[in-house]
Amino acid sequence: MVDAVSNPQAGAKQEVAVTVKVEPLVSDEEKLRLLQMSEISLWLDGYDDIFSDFDPRQYSERSLSDDFLREAQKAAREKVSGVIDLKFLIPAAKRDVKLEDVIKKRLHEHFKKHHQSLEGEVRRLRVRGIMWAFLGMFLMMVSTFIRMKSPMDFGYQFLVVVFEPGGWFVTWFGLDQIFYAAGGKKAELEFYGKMSKCVIHFITY
């Protein structure tokens, strides 16, 4: 941009070049390139797309949208390792850098909180499973010890009938907690672990 500025000493007007830096909008080709290169790229009509419509609180406390989390989980499955780049493509007219800083902080808080919560839940499931498995094996050992007693009266036979199947059931229940219940949380735990370390960008389109 060029402005005409009056110079009283020279008695004439001088032209002073003023450079205005304007951030260019992202072209359609650039949008496609970003979507292909980014680990997770999501289109937004506005910042509200990230958050729940039923939560009236401000962005620093607001709950995240289930739709957003589902789309993020779907995209994160393809990322095996490394730090995820989470890119939000948002219209230029709706961008607010200050709000974006608040949203980035809120997202990281949400992901870290849920990752820590899931870690604790998986740890409790495994510890509980180990305890149940050991209890089951103890019952089977008691049953075996009773079987070794000869002759067995009615009371001992009844204990064998109770302890042996009970031991098997408790042992398998414990193993189920260790390998299936805790293992079933693996995908969700990995997702929140990745997202808690992700780098978040807002990009104009």
Foldseek 3Di string as FASTA:
>chain_A
DWDWDDDVVVRDIDIDDDDDDDDDFQDPVSVVVCPVPALAEDEDAAPCQQFDPPFPDDLLDTHGDPVNVVSLLVSCVVPDDDAHEYEYEYAPVHDDVVSVVSNVVSQLVVLVVVLVVLVVVLVVLLVVLVVLLVVLVVLCVVLVVLVVDPPDDPVSVVSNVVSNVSSVVSNVVSVCSNCPVSVVCVSVSVSSVNSNRHHYYYHHD
